[in-house]
Amino acid sequence: MCYLLGMAATRKDPGLAAVLSLIVPGVGQIYNGDFLRGIFWLIVTPGFWIGTGGVFGWVCHVIAAWTAHRRANWHNYRLPLGLPAS
């Protein structure tokens, strides 16, 4: 995705991505350049908070943080190989 937007590919900090998504699910994904995944989490998380009366909303925070961390590591792995970031 970064190459399509003309942005330079840079290393992503997995810890920062995870913390951002733990606080606000979707922000870590957007930091990683995964805009559609970020929008998904921004929409789904409030639905879980409201739909379950606050019982399972925290689950979205944890899963979003884990996936943001994983995707940042995946992104960093692909950079030295010269592969597209998306």
PDB file of N, CA and C in Angstrom:
ATOM      1  N   MET A   1       0.819  -1.183   0.000  1.00  0.00           N
ATOM      2  CA  MET A   1       0.000   0.000   0.000  1.00  0.00           C
ATOM      3  C   MET A   1       0.867   1.252   0.000  1.00  0.00           C
ATOM      4  N   CYS A   2       1.967   1.232   0.737  1.00  0.00           N
ATOM      5  CA  CYS A   2       2.822   2.401   0.807  1.00  0.00           C
ATOM      6  C   CYS A   2       3.368   2.776  -0.561  1.00  0.00           C
ATOM      7  N   TYR A   3       3.679   1.770  -1.363  1.00  0.00           N
ATOM      8  CA  TYR A   3       4.245   2.053  -2.671  1.00  0.00           C
ATOM      9  C   TYR A   3       3.208   2.688  -3.590  1.00  0.00           C
ATOM     10  N   LEU A   4       1.957   2.293  -3.426  1.00  0.00           N
ATOM     11  CA  LEU A   4       0.904   2.858  -4.259  1.00  0.00           C
ATOM     12  C   LEU A   4       0.635   4.312  -3.920  1.00  0.00           C
ATOM     13  N   LEU A   5       0.828   4.679  -2.672  1.00  0.00           N
ATOM     14  CA  LEU A   5       0.576   6.052  -2.245  1.00  0.00           C
ATOM     15  C   LEU A   5       1.805   6.934  -2.412  1.00  0.00           C
ATOM     16  N   GLY A   6       2.914   6.362  -2.834  1.00  0.00           N
ATOM     17  CA  GLY A   6       4.130   7.132  -3.044  1.00  0.00           C
ATOM     18  C   GLY A   6       4.880   7.405  -1.756  1.00  0.00           C
ATOM     19  N   MET A   7       4.545   6.701  -0.688  1.00  0.00           N
ATOM     20  CA  MET A   7       5.217   6.883   0.582  1.00  0.00           C
ATOM     21  C   MET A   7       6.421   5.952   0.645  1.00  0.00           C
ATOM     22  N   ALA A   8       7.477   6.410   1.302  1.00  0.00           N
ATOM     23  CA  ALA A   8       8.654   5.569   1.465  1.00  0.00           C
ATOM     24  C   ALA A   8       8.352   4.482   2.492  1.00  0.00           C
ATOM     25  N   ALA A   9       8.803   3.278   2.206  1.00  0.00           N
ATOM     26  CA  ALA A   9       8.598   2.171   3.136  1.00  0.00           C
ATOM     27  C   ALA A   9       9.565   2.334   4.301  1.00  0.00           C
ATOM     28  N   THR A  10       9.056   2.332   5.520  1.00  0.00           N
ATOM     29  CA  THR A  10       9.881   2.482   6.709  1.00  0.00           C
ATOM     30  C   THR A  10       9.550   1.372   7.687  1.00  0.00           C
ATOM     31  N   ARG A  11      10.479   1.143   8.598  1.00  0.00           N
ATOM     32  CA  ARG A  11      10.253   0.137   9.632  1.00  0.00           C
ATOM     33  C   ARG A  11       9.172   0.630  10.580  1.00  0.00           C
ATOM     34  N   LYS A  12       8.368  -0.301  11.057  1.00  0.00           N
ATOM     35  CA  LYS A  12       7.303  -0.001  12.008  1.00  0.00           C
ATOM     36  C   LYS A  12       7.663  -0.586  13.360  1.00  0.00           C
ATOM     37  N   ASP A  13       7.357   0.130  14.418  1.00  0.00           N
ATOM     38  CA  ASP A  13       7.633  -0.326  15.770  1.00  0.00           C
ATOM     39  C   ASP A  13       6.467  -1.193  16.250  1.00  0.00           C
ATOM     40  N   PRO A  14       6.671  -2.512  16.396  1.00  0.00           N
ATOM     41  CA  PRO A  14       5.579  -3.395  16.808  1.00  0.00           C
ATOM     42  C   PRO A  14       4.995  -3.030  18.168  1.00  0.00           C
ATOM     43  N   GLY A  15       5.842  -2.598  19.096  1.00  0.00           N
ATOM     44  CA  GLY A  15       5.353  -2.218  20.420  1.00  0.00           C
ATOM     45  C   GLY A  15       4.436  -1.014  20.365  1.00  0.00           C
ATOM     46  N   LEU A  16       4.819  -0.013  19.584  1.00  0.00           N
ATOM     47  CA  LEU A  16       3.987   1.180  19.442  1.00  0.00           C
ATOM     48  C   LEU A  16       2.670   0.834  18.766  1.00  0.00           C
ATOM     49  N   ALA A  17       2.726   0.002  17.741  1.00  0.00           N
ATOM     50  CA  ALA A  17       1.500  -0.416  17.054  1.00  0.00           C
ATOM     51  C   ALA A  17       0.558  -1.133  18.016  1.00  0.00           C
ATOM     52  N   ALA A  18       1.111  -2.001  18.868  1.00  0.00           N
ATOM     53  CA  ALA A  18       0.282  -2.740  19.818  1.00  0.00           C
ATOM     54  C   ALA A  18      -0.331  -1.810  20.858  1.00  0.00           C
ATOM     55  N   VAL A  19       0.450  -0.875  21.390  1.00  0.00           N
ATOM     56  CA  VAL A  19      -0.068   0.051  22.403  1.00  0.00           C
ATOM     57  C   VAL A  19      -1.144   0.952  21.807  1.00  0.00           C
ATOM     58  N   LEU A  20      -0.916   1.438  20.594  1.00  0.00           N
ATOM     59  CA  LEU A  20      -1.923   2.280  19.949  1.00  0.00           C
ATOM     60  C   LEU A  20      -3.241   1.535  19.787  1.00  0.00           C
ATOM     61  N   SER A  21      -3.160   0.279  19.366  1.00  0.00           N
ATOM     62  CA  SER A  21      -4.383  -0.501  19.167  1.00  0.00           C
ATOM     63  C   SER A  21      -4.991  -0.978  20.468  1.00  0.00           C
ATOM     64  N   LEU A  22      -4.189  -1.096  21.516  1.00  0.00           N
ATOM     65  CA  LEU A  22      -4.747  -1.463  22.811  1.00  0.00           C
ATOM     66  C   LEU A  22      -5.578  -0.309  23.370  1.00  0.00           C
ATOM     67  N   ILE A  23      -5.115   0.918  23.130  1.00  0.00           N
ATOM     68  CA  ILE A  23      -5.842   2.096  23.615  1.00  0.00           C
ATOM     69  C   ILE A  23      -7.066   2.367  22.747  1.00  0.00           C
ATOM     70  N   VAL A  24      -6.855   2.445  21.427  1.00  0.00           N
ATOM     71  CA  VAL A  24      -7.953   2.669  20.473  1.00  0.00           C
ATOM     72  C   VAL A  24      -7.789   1.650  19.345  1.00  0.00           C
ATOM     73  N   PRO A  25      -8.559   0.565  19.381  1.00  0.00           N
ATOM     74  CA  PRO A  25      -8.425  -0.458  18.344  1.00  0.00           C
ATOM     75  C   PRO A  25      -8.589   0.129  16.944  1.00  0.00           C
ATOM     76  N   GLY A  26      -7.606  -0.174  16.096  1.00  0.00           N
ATOM     77  CA  GLY A  26      -7.615   0.316  14.724  1.00  0.00           C
ATOM     78  C   GLY A  26      -6.519   1.330  14.467  1.00  0.00           C
ATOM     79  N   VAL A  27      -6.111   2.063  15.492  1.00  0.00           N
ATOM     80  CA  VAL A  27      -5.082   3.091  15.303  1.00  0.00           C
ATOM     81  C   VAL A  27      -3.721   2.453  15.026  1.00  0.00           C
ATOM     82  N   GLY A  28      -3.423   1.336  15.674  1.00  0.00           N
ATOM     83  CA  GLY A  28      -2.170   0.626  15.401  1.00  0.00           C
ATOM     84  C   GLY A  28      -2.121   0.084  13.987  1.00  0.00           C
ATOM     85  N   GLN A  29      -3.254  -0.378  13.482  1.00  0.00           N
ATOM     86  CA  GLN A  29      -3.322  -0.865  12.104  1.00  0.00           C
ATOM     87  C   GLN A  29      -3.101   0.292  11.131  1.00  0.00           C
ATOM     88  N   ILE A  30      -3.692   1.434  11.418  1.00  0.00           N
ATOM     89  CA  ILE A  30      -3.495   2.608  10.556  1.00  0.00           C
ATOM     90  C   ILE A  30      -2.038   3.047  10.598  1.00  0.00           C
ATOM     91  N   TYR A  31      -1.413   3.014  11.763  1.00  0.00           N
ATOM     92  CA  TYR A  31       0.016   3.318  11.903  1.00  0.00           C
ATOM     93  C   TYR A  31       0.855   2.393  11.013  1.00  0.00           C
ATOM     94  N   ASN A  32       0.451   1.130  10.935  1.00  0.00           N
ATOM     95  CA  ASN A  32       1.172   0.158  10.099  1.00  0.00           C
ATOM     96  C   ASN A  32       0.914   0.350   8.611  1.00  0.00           C
ATOM     97  N   GLY A  33      -0.070   1.164   8.253  1.00  0.00           N
ATOM     98  CA  GLY A  33      -0.412   1.361   6.853  1.00  0.00           C
ATOM     99  C   GLY A  33      -1.564   0.481   6.394  1.00  0.00           C
ATOM    100  N   ASP A  34      -2.154  -0.264   7.310  1.00  0.00           N
ATOM    101  CA  ASP A  34      -3.295  -1.135   6.993  1.00  0.00           C
ATOM    102  C   ASP A  34      -4.592  -0.371   7.255  1.00  0.00           C
ATOM    103  N   PHE A  35      -4.923   0.548   6.357  1.00  0.00           N
ATOM    104  CA  PHE A  35      -6.039   1.466   6.579  1.00  0.00           C
ATOM    105  C   PHE A  35      -7.382   0.754   6.669  1.00  0.00           C
ATOM    106  N   LEU A  36      -7.637  -0.195   5.793  1.00  0.00           N
ATOM    107  CA  LEU A  36      -8.918  -0.893   5.825  1.00  0.00           C
ATOM    108  C   LEU A  36      -9.071  -1.738   7.086  1.00  0.00           C
ATOM    109  N   ARG A  37      -7.988  -2.362   7.528  1.00  0.00           N
ATOM    110  CA  ARG A  37      -8.040  -3.123   8.780  1.00  0.00           C
ATOM    111  C   ARG A  37      -8.302  -2.185   9.952  1.00  0.00           C
ATOM    112  N   GLY A  38      -7.700  -1.014   9.915  1.00  0.00           N
ATOM    113  CA  GLY A  38      -7.930  -0.034  10.973  1.00  0.00           C
ATOM    114  C   GLY A  38      -9.375   0.428  11.026  1.00  0.00           C
ATOM    115  N   ILE A  39      -9.951   0.705   9.874  1.00  0.00           N
ATOM    116  CA  ILE A  39     -11.353   1.124   9.816  1.00  0.00           C
ATOM    117  C   ILE A  39     -12.246  -0.006  10.328  1.00  0.00           C
ATOM    118  N   PHE A  40     -11.912  -1.239   9.961  1.00  0.00           N
ATOM    119  CA  PHE A  40     -12.674  -2.397  10.447  1.00  0.00           C
ATOM    120  C   PHE A  40     -12.718  -2.406  11.971  1.00  0.00           C
ATOM    121  N   TRP A  41     -11.548  -2.290  12.624  1.00  0.00           N
ATOM    122  CA  TRP A  41     -11.510  -2.320  14.082  1.00  0.00           C
ATOM    123  C   TRP A  41     -12.206  -1.114  14.691  1.00  0.00           C
ATOM    124  N   LEU A  42     -12.098   0.040  14.052  1.00  0.00           N
ATOM    125  CA  LEU A  42     -12.779   1.233  14.569  1.00  0.00           C
ATOM    126  C   LEU A  42     -14.302   1.073  14.536  1.00  0.00           C
ATOM    127  N   ILE A  43     -14.800   0.273  13.612  1.00  0.00           N
ATOM    128  CA  ILE A  43     -16.248   0.051  13.504  1.00  0.00           C
ATOM    129  C   ILE A  43     -16.698  -1.114  14.387  1.00  0.00           C
ATOM    130  N   VAL A  44     -15.945  -2.202  14.395  1.00  0.00           N
ATOM    131  CA  VAL A  44     -16.352  -3.414  15.108  1.00  0.00           C
ATOM    132  C   VAL A  44     -16.292  -3.248  16.632  1.00  0.00           C
ATOM    133  N   THR A  45     -15.265  -2.588  17.135  1.00  0.00           N
ATOM    134  CA  THR A  45     -15.092  -2.492  18.584  1.00  0.00           C
ATOM    135  C   THR A  45     -16.262  -1.822  19.301  1.00  0.00           C
ATOM    136  N   PRO A  46     -16.733  -0.651  18.851  1.00  0.00           N
ATOM    137  CA  PRO A  46     -17.908  -0.079  19.532  1.00  0.00           C
ATOM    138  C   PRO A  46     -19.129  -0.998  19.458  1.00  0.00           C
ATOM    139  N   GLY A  47     -19.251  -1.746  18.361  1.00  0.00           N
ATOM    140  CA  GLY A  47     -20.352  -2.693  18.241  1.00  0.00           C
ATOM    141  C   GLY A  47     -20.285  -3.765  19.317  1.00  0.00           C
ATOM    142  N   PHE A  48     -19.067  -4.250  19.624  1.00  0.00           N
ATOM    143  CA  PHE A  48     -18.913  -5.238  20.683  1.00  0.00           C
ATOM    144  C   PHE A  48     -19.182  -4.631  22.050  1.00  0.00           C
ATOM    145  N   TRP A  49     -18.704  -3.413  22.280  1.00  0.00           N
ATOM    146  CA  TRP A  49     -18.961  -2.759  23.570  1.00  0.00           C
ATOM    147  C   TRP A  49     -20.456  -2.576  23.787  1.00  0.00           C
ATOM    148  N   ILE A  50     -21.152  -2.086  22.781  1.00  0.00           N
ATOM    149  CA  ILE A  50     -22.587  -1.812  22.914  1.00  0.00           C
ATOM    150  C   ILE A  50     -23.396  -3.103  22.857  1.00  0.00           C
ATOM    151  N   GLY A  51     -23.066  -3.966  21.902  1.00  0.00           N
ATOM    152  CA  GLY A  51     -23.835  -5.181  21.684  1.00  0.00           C
ATOM    153  C   GLY A  51     -23.786  -6.166  22.839  1.00  0.00           C
ATOM    154  N   THR A  52     -22.676  -6.171  23.581  1.00  0.00           N
ATOM    155  CA  THR A  52     -22.556  -7.118  24.695  1.00  0.00           C
ATOM    156  C   THR A  52     -22.677  -6.420  26.044  1.00  0.00           C
ATOM    157  N   GLY A  53     -23.063  -5.176  26.035  1.00  0.00           N
ATOM    158  CA  GLY A  53     -23.193  -4.445  27.293  1.00  0.00           C
ATOM    159  C   GLY A  53     -21.868  -4.242  28.002  1.00  0.00           C
ATOM    160  N   GLY A  54     -20.781  -4.170  27.252  1.00  0.00           N
ATOM    161  CA  GLY A  54     -19.458  -3.944  27.826  1.00  0.00           C
ATOM    162  C   GLY A  54     -18.719  -5.191  28.248  1.00  0.00           C
ATOM    163  N   VAL A  55     -19.302  -6.352  28.027  1.00  0.00           N
ATOM    164  CA  VAL A  55     -18.671  -7.591  28.483  1.00  0.00           C
ATOM    165  C   VAL A  55     -17.494  -7.987  27.588  1.00  0.00           C
ATOM    166  N   PHE A  56     -17.682  -7.929  26.266  1.00  0.00           N
ATOM    167  CA  PHE A  56     -16.641  -8.404  25.350  1.00  0.00           C
ATOM    168  C   PHE A  56     -15.920  -7.290  24.591  1.00  0.00           C
ATOM    169  N   GLY A  57     -16.157  -6.051  24.925  1.00  0.00           N
ATOM    170  CA  GLY A  57     -15.466  -4.952  24.244  1.00  0.00           C
ATOM    171  C   GLY A  57     -13.968  -5.010  24.416  1.00  0.00           C
ATOM    172  N   TRP A  58     -13.526  -5.404  25.611  1.00  0.00           N
ATOM    173  CA  TRP A  58     -12.089  -5.472  25.875  1.00  0.00           C
ATOM    174  C   TRP A  58     -11.405  -6.523  25.016  1.00  0.00           C
ATOM    175  N   VAL A  59     -12.156  -7.541  24.608  1.00  0.00           N
ATOM    176  CA  VAL A  59     -11.584  -8.588  23.759  1.00  0.00           C
ATOM    177  C   VAL A  59     -11.109  -7.982  22.438  1.00  0.00           C
ATOM    178  N   CYS A  60     -11.884  -7.062  21.879  1.00  0.00           N
ATOM    179  CA  CYS A  60     -11.484  -6.390  20.631  1.00  0.00           C
ATOM    180  C   CYS A  60     -10.191  -5.612  20.828  1.00  0.00           C
ATOM    181  N   HIS A  61     -10.021  -4.971  21.974  1.00  0.00           N
ATOM    182  CA  HIS A  61      -8.799  -4.219  22.249  1.00  0.00           C
ATOM    183  C   HIS A  61      -7.582  -5.142  22.235  1.00  0.00           C
ATOM    184  N   VAL A  62      -7.701  -6.286  22.892  1.00  0.00           N
ATOM    185  CA  VAL A  62      -6.577  -7.221  22.971  1.00  0.00           C
ATOM    186  C   VAL A  62      -6.270  -7.828  21.605  1.00  0.00           C
ATOM    187  N   ILE A  63      -7.289  -8.243  20.883  1.00  0.00           N
ATOM    188  CA  ILE A  63      -7.065  -8.848  19.564  1.00  0.00           C
ATOM    189  C   ILE A  63      -6.499  -7.824  18.587  1.00  0.00           C
ATOM    190  N   ALA A  64      -7.012  -6.603  18.620  1.00  0.00           N
ATOM    191  CA  ALA A  64      -6.498  -5.558  17.729  1.00  0.00           C
ATOM    192  C   ALA A  64      -5.034  -5.262  18.042  1.00  0.00           C
ATOM    193  N   ALA A  65      -4.665  -5.234  19.326  1.00  0.00           N
ATOM    194  CA  ALA A  65      -3.267  -4.994  19.703  1.00  0.00           C
ATOM    195  C   ALA A  65      -2.372  -6.129  19.214  1.00  0.00           C
ATOM    196  N   TRP A  66      -2.837  -7.362  19.371  1.00  0.00           N
ATOM    197  CA  TRP A  66      -2.052  -8.515  18.923  1.00  0.00           C
ATOM    198  C   TRP A  66      -1.853  -8.489  17.405  1.00  0.00           C
ATOM    199  N   THR A  67      -2.930  -8.213  16.657  1.00  0.00           N
ATOM    200  CA  THR A  67      -2.806  -8.202  15.199  1.00  0.00           C
ATOM    201  C   THR A  67      -1.948  -7.029  14.715  1.00  0.00           C
ATOM    202  N   ALA A  68      -2.020  -5.888  15.388  1.00  0.00           N
ATOM    203  CA  ALA A  68      -1.179  -4.745  15.000  1.00  0.00           C
ATOM    204  C   ALA A  68       0.292  -5.085  15.215  1.00  0.00           C
ATOM    205  N   HIS A  69       0.602  -5.734  16.325  1.00  0.00           N
ATOM    206  CA  HIS A  69       1.985  -6.147  16.608  1.00  0.00           C
ATOM    207  C   HIS A  69       2.471  -7.147  15.561  1.00  0.00           C
ATOM    208  N   ARG A  70       1.644  -8.125  15.271  1.00  0.00           N
ATOM    209  CA  ARG A  70       2.001  -9.157  14.280  1.00  0.00           C
ATOM    210  C   ARG A  70       2.220  -8.557  12.897  1.00  0.00           C
ATOM    211  N   ARG A  71       1.325  -7.641  12.486  1.00  0.00           N
ATOM    212  CA  ARG A  71       1.448  -7.026  11.164  1.00  0.00           C
ATOM    213  C   ARG A  71       2.667  -6.110  11.072  1.00  0.00           C
ATOM    214  N   ALA A  72       3.027  -5.443  12.157  1.00  0.00           N
ATOM    215  CA  ALA A  72       4.231  -4.599  12.151  1.00  0.00           C
ATOM    216  C   ALA A  72       5.467  -5.476  11.965  1.00  0.00           C
ATOM    217  N   ASN A  73       5.522  -6.606  12.658  1.00  0.00           N
ATOM    218  CA  ASN A  73       6.651  -7.533  12.474  1.00  0.00           C
ATOM    219  C   ASN A  73       6.679  -8.067  11.050  1.00  0.00           C
ATOM    220  N   TRP A  74       5.524  -8.407  10.511  1.00  0.00           N
ATOM    221  CA  TRP A  74       5.431  -8.909   9.133  1.00  0.00           C
ATOM    222  C   TRP A  74       5.916  -7.844   8.153  1.00  0.00           C
ATOM    223  N   HIS A  75       5.504  -6.613   8.376  1.00  0.00           N
ATOM    224  CA  HIS A  75       5.914  -5.494   7.522  1.00  0.00           C
ATOM    225  C   HIS A  75       7.443  -5.336   7.561  1.00  0.00           C
ATOM    226  N   ASN A  76       8.027  -5.382   8.756  1.00  0.00           N
ATOM    227  CA  ASN A  76       9.473  -5.220   8.904  1.00  0.00           C
ATOM    228  C   ASN A  76      10.238  -6.381   8.277  1.00  0.00           C
ATOM    229  N   TYR A  77       9.684  -7.563   8.313  1.00  0.00           N
ATOM    230  CA  TYR A  77      10.324  -8.733   7.712  1.00  0.00           C
ATOM    231  C   TYR A  77      10.404  -8.586   6.195  1.00  0.00           C
ATOM    232  N   ARG A  78       9.388  -8.002   5.587  1.00  0.00           N
ATOM    233  CA  ARG A  78       9.322  -7.897   4.133  1.00  0.00           C
ATOM    234  C   ARG A  78      10.202  -6.781   3.572  1.00  0.00           C
ATOM    235  N   LEU A  79      10.538  -5.778   4.372  1.00  0.00           N
ATOM    236  CA  LEU A  79      11.321  -4.648   3.873  1.00  0.00           C
ATOM    237  C   LEU A  79      12.680  -5.035   3.279  1.00  0.00           C
ATOM    238  N   PRO A  80      13.525  -5.795   3.999  1.00  0.00           N
ATOM    239  CA  PRO A  80      14.839  -6.125   3.415  1.00  0.00           C
ATOM    240  C   PRO A  80      14.742  -7.010   2.179  1.00  0.00           C
ATOM    241  N   LEU A  81      13.628  -7.695   2.024  1.00  0.00           N
ATOM    242  CA  LEU A  81      13.461  -8.576   0.863  1.00  0.00           C
ATOM    243  C   LEU A  81      13.059  -7.804  -0.382  1.00  0.00           C
ATOM    244  N   GLY A  82      12.698  -6.541  -0.203  1.00  0.00           N
ATOM    245  CA  GLY A  82      12.268  -5.731  -1.334  1.00  0.00           C
ATOM    246  C   GLY A  82      10.865  -6.076  -1.811  1.00  0.00           C
ATOM    247  N   LEU A  83      10.089  -6.721  -0.962  1.00  0.00           N
ATOM    248  CA  LEU A  83       8.721  -7.085  -1.320  1.00  0.00           C
ATOM    249  C   LEU A  83       7.784  -5.939  -0.992  1.00  0.00           C
ATOM    250  N   PRO A  84       6.661  -5.855  -1.675  1.00  0.00           N
ATOM    251  CA  PRO A  84       5.691  -4.805  -1.355  1.00  0.00           C
ATOM    252  C   PRO A  84       5.210  -4.937   0.088  1.00  0.00           C
ATOM    253  N   ALA A  85       4.919  -3.811   0.717  1.00  0.00           N
ATOM    254  CA  ALA A  85       4.528  -3.793   2.124  1.00  0.00           C
ATOM    255  C   ALA A  85       3.113  -4.324   2.321  1.00  0.00           C
ATOM    256  N   SER A  86       2.266  -4.323   1.320  1.00  0.00           N
ATOM    257  CA  SER A  86       0.881  -4.755   1.517  1.00  0.00           C
ATOM    258  C   SER A  86       0.659  -6.163   1.048  1.00  0.00           C
TER     259      SER A  86
END
